Protein backbone atom coordinates (compact mmCIF):
# COMPACT_ATOMS: atom_id res chain seq x y z
CA MET A 1 -81.07 -63.31 -27.47
CA SER A 2 -77.57 -63.32 -28.90
CA SER A 3 -74.84 -60.87 -28.11
CA ILE A 4 -74.50 -57.90 -30.42
CA CYS A 5 -71.11 -58.25 -32.11
CA ARG A 6 -69.23 -55.16 -33.09
CA THR A 7 -67.99 -56.30 -36.50
CA GLY A 8 -64.26 -55.84 -36.86
CA GLU A 9 -63.81 -54.29 -33.43
CA THR A 10 -61.67 -55.94 -30.78
CA VAL A 11 -60.90 -55.49 -27.12
CA MET A 12 -57.88 -56.66 -25.15
CA ASP A 13 -58.80 -59.43 -22.73
CA PHE A 14 -57.98 -58.36 -19.17
CA LEU A 15 -56.68 -61.79 -18.13
CA THR A 16 -54.92 -63.07 -21.24
CA GLY A 17 -53.84 -59.89 -22.99
CA ARG A 18 -55.19 -61.31 -26.28
CA GLU A 19 -57.26 -59.29 -28.69
CA VAL A 20 -60.79 -60.73 -28.77
CA PRO A 21 -63.87 -59.76 -30.80
CA ASP A 22 -65.80 -57.02 -29.04
CA SER A 23 -69.47 -57.52 -28.18
CA ASP A 24 -71.92 -56.58 -25.48
CA ASP A 25 -71.30 -59.93 -23.79
CA GLU A 26 -67.53 -59.51 -24.04
CA GLN A 27 -67.79 -56.18 -22.23
CA ILE A 28 -69.66 -57.96 -19.42
CA ARG A 29 -67.00 -60.68 -19.27
CA GLN A 30 -64.24 -58.08 -19.04
CA LYS A 31 -66.05 -56.46 -16.10
CA ILE A 32 -66.35 -59.83 -14.34
CA GLU A 33 -62.68 -60.69 -14.97
CA ARG A 34 -61.70 -57.43 -13.27
CA LEU A 35 -64.14 -58.09 -10.41
CA LEU A 36 -62.64 -61.54 -9.79
CA VAL A 37 -59.06 -60.22 -9.69
CA GLU A 38 -59.41 -56.73 -8.26
CA GLY A 39 -62.52 -57.20 -6.11
CA LYS A 40 -62.53 -60.86 -5.12
CA GLY A 41 -58.78 -61.47 -4.75
CA PHE A 42 -58.23 -64.25 -7.28
CA ASP A 43 -54.90 -64.46 -9.06
CA PRO A 44 -55.23 -64.31 -12.86
CA SER A 45 -53.51 -67.73 -13.01
CA GLU A 46 -56.51 -69.19 -11.13
CA ILE A 47 -58.97 -68.18 -13.85
CA GLU A 48 -59.23 -69.99 -17.17
CA VAL A 49 -60.71 -68.02 -20.05
CA ASP A 50 -62.73 -69.87 -22.70
CA ARG A 51 -62.38 -73.42 -21.44
CA CYS A 52 -63.24 -75.47 -24.51
CA PHE A 53 -64.63 -78.98 -24.26
CA GLU A 54 -65.78 -81.57 -26.76
CA ILE A 55 -69.38 -82.64 -27.04
CA SER A 56 -70.17 -85.98 -28.66
CA LEU A 57 -73.67 -87.01 -29.63
CA GLY A 58 -73.61 -90.21 -31.65
CA ASP A 59 -71.54 -89.46 -34.74
CA GLN A 60 -71.75 -85.71 -34.24
CA LYS A 61 -69.01 -83.75 -32.52
CA ALA A 62 -69.20 -80.13 -31.42
CA ALA A 63 -67.19 -77.74 -29.31
CA GLY A 64 -68.52 -76.32 -26.05
CA ARG A 65 -67.20 -73.43 -24.02
CA ALA A 66 -67.24 -72.32 -20.41
CA GLU A 67 -66.47 -68.59 -20.52
CA LEU A 68 -64.60 -68.39 -17.23
CA VAL A 69 -63.60 -71.18 -14.86
CA VAL A 70 -62.15 -70.26 -11.47
CA TYR A 71 -59.88 -72.81 -9.80
CA VAL A 72 -59.35 -73.14 -6.06
CA GLN A 73 -56.47 -75.27 -4.83
CA GLY A 74 -56.04 -76.59 -8.36
CA ARG A 75 -59.65 -77.80 -8.71
CA PRO A 76 -62.43 -76.19 -10.74
CA PHE A 77 -64.67 -74.32 -8.31
CA MET A 78 -66.91 -71.94 -10.25
CA SER A 79 -67.91 -71.34 -13.84
CA PHE A 80 -69.32 -68.12 -15.33
CA LYS A 81 -71.80 -67.29 -18.07
CA CYS A 82 -71.58 -63.58 -18.88
CA SER A 83 -74.43 -62.32 -21.01
CA ARG A 84 -76.71 -59.32 -21.30
CA GLY A 85 -80.39 -59.59 -20.50
CA SER A 86 -82.34 -61.86 -18.22
CA LEU A 87 -80.35 -64.16 -15.96
CA VAL A 88 -82.99 -66.88 -15.79
CA THR A 89 -82.78 -67.45 -19.56
CA ARG A 90 -79.07 -68.28 -19.23
CA GLU A 91 -79.25 -70.64 -16.26
CA ARG A 92 -79.78 -73.92 -18.08
CA GLU A 93 -77.02 -73.37 -20.65
CA ALA A 94 -74.60 -72.30 -17.93
CA LEU A 95 -75.41 -75.32 -15.77
CA ALA A 96 -74.90 -77.64 -18.75
CA ALA A 97 -71.48 -76.07 -19.42
CA SER A 98 -70.50 -76.48 -15.75
CA ARG A 99 -71.52 -80.11 -15.91
CA LEU A 100 -69.62 -80.86 -19.13
CA ALA A 101 -66.51 -78.65 -19.10
CA CYS A 102 -64.34 -80.81 -16.83
CA ASP A 103 -64.05 -84.45 -15.77
CA VAL A 104 -66.17 -83.57 -12.73
CA GLN A 105 -68.98 -81.05 -12.40
CA ILE A 106 -67.85 -77.56 -11.46
CA PRO A 107 -69.55 -76.98 -8.05
CA LEU A 108 -70.80 -73.42 -8.58
CA THR A 109 -72.27 -71.85 -11.69
CA VAL A 110 -72.59 -68.07 -11.90
CA VAL A 111 -74.84 -66.35 -14.42
CA THR A 112 -74.33 -62.60 -14.71
CA ASN A 113 -75.32 -59.65 -16.86
CA GLY A 114 -72.65 -57.47 -15.24
CA ARG A 115 -75.14 -55.69 -12.98
CA ASP A 116 -76.61 -58.69 -11.17
CA ALA A 117 -75.69 -62.34 -10.69
CA GLU A 118 -77.15 -65.67 -9.68
CA VAL A 119 -74.92 -68.21 -7.97
CA LEU A 120 -76.25 -71.72 -8.63
CA ASP A 121 -75.36 -75.04 -7.04
CA THR A 122 -74.42 -77.06 -10.11
CA LEU A 123 -75.37 -80.44 -8.66
CA ASN A 124 -78.99 -79.53 -7.90
CA GLY A 125 -79.43 -76.53 -10.24
CA ARG A 126 -80.84 -74.31 -7.49
CA ILE A 127 -79.98 -70.67 -6.91
CA SER A 128 -77.99 -70.42 -3.69
CA ALA A 129 -77.31 -66.67 -3.70
CA VAL A 130 -78.10 -63.53 -5.70
CA GLY A 131 -76.06 -60.43 -6.54
CA LEU A 132 -72.48 -59.71 -7.56
CA GLU A 133 -71.59 -59.42 -3.88
CA ALA A 134 -72.65 -63.09 -3.50
CA VAL A 135 -69.90 -64.27 -5.86
CA PRO A 136 -67.41 -65.91 -3.47
CA SER A 137 -64.08 -64.20 -2.89
CA LYS A 138 -60.88 -66.24 -3.03
CA GLU A 139 -60.88 -66.47 0.77
CA GLU A 140 -64.50 -67.64 0.87
CA ALA A 141 -63.89 -70.10 -1.96
CA GLU A 142 -60.90 -71.61 -0.16
CA LYS A 143 -63.02 -72.08 2.97
CA ARG A 144 -65.92 -73.61 1.02
CA SER A 145 -63.97 -75.79 -1.42
CA GLY A 146 -64.01 -78.78 0.92
CA GLU A 147 -67.80 -78.82 1.18
CA PHE A 148 -68.24 -79.87 -2.45
CA GLU A 149 -67.70 -83.44 -3.54
CA SER A 150 -66.26 -84.27 -6.95
CA VAL A 151 -69.11 -85.72 -8.97
CA GLY A 152 -68.92 -86.80 -12.59
CA LEU A 153 -71.81 -87.57 -14.94
CA ASN A 154 -72.89 -90.94 -16.29
CA GLU A 155 -73.15 -91.27 -20.08
CA LYS A 156 -76.94 -90.84 -20.18
CA ARG A 157 -76.76 -87.62 -18.17
CA LYS A 158 -73.83 -86.33 -20.28
CA GLU A 159 -75.93 -86.83 -23.41
CA LYS A 160 -78.87 -84.94 -21.87
CA GLU A 161 -76.66 -82.04 -20.79
CA ALA A 162 -74.96 -81.97 -24.20
CA ARG A 163 -78.33 -81.67 -25.95
CA ILE A 164 -79.35 -78.85 -23.62
CA TYR A 165 -76.05 -77.04 -24.13
CA LEU A 166 -76.24 -77.36 -27.91
CA ALA A 167 -79.82 -76.07 -27.97
CA PHE A 168 -78.50 -72.76 -26.62
CA ALA A 169 -75.02 -72.68 -28.19
CA ASP A 170 -76.03 -71.35 -31.60
CA PHE A 171 -77.01 -68.01 -30.10
CA ALA A 172 -73.49 -66.60 -29.63
CA CYS A 173 -70.81 -64.67 -31.47
CA PRO A 174 -67.96 -66.79 -32.86
CA THR A 175 -65.21 -67.69 -30.41
CA GLU A 176 -61.97 -69.61 -30.66
CA CYS A 177 -63.92 -72.78 -29.87
CA ASN A 178 -66.49 -72.51 -32.64
CA GLU A 179 -64.85 -70.52 -35.43
């Protein structure tokens, strides 16, 4: 299920101040950006919007995107997929993005529809907590950041994750990464 784009309409991004295309999913992302700053105590400078990354499969190259990446003590800590509908249908794409977006896997992956959330352990793909209240605050994240080891992916695993990501990637509104 792709996001319903509002053709020609824009919204100002809470974190960057840039005008971005408006859609149902963008409204969810704006809500989560506010939650992270106003409710969870993160500084806007600790949150990267639309982290783009390159995907290479043989001769093919594509752009990937992690919607929001939260950094703790300068290291990527949690990645967000903000989308309407069922959370379970977004888990695999979100995990693939968390595994590919940086040099090391982002420890936590959060899938949210703005009303509910699943917090997943990126290394094992399992749900570790449920609900928006389960999204770690800055204080909690700082305490927990040491419990996650920095783990990269070997080339075979990168290829698998890239294929999974690309299988889902065509179901989104255009962004800076794929326009």
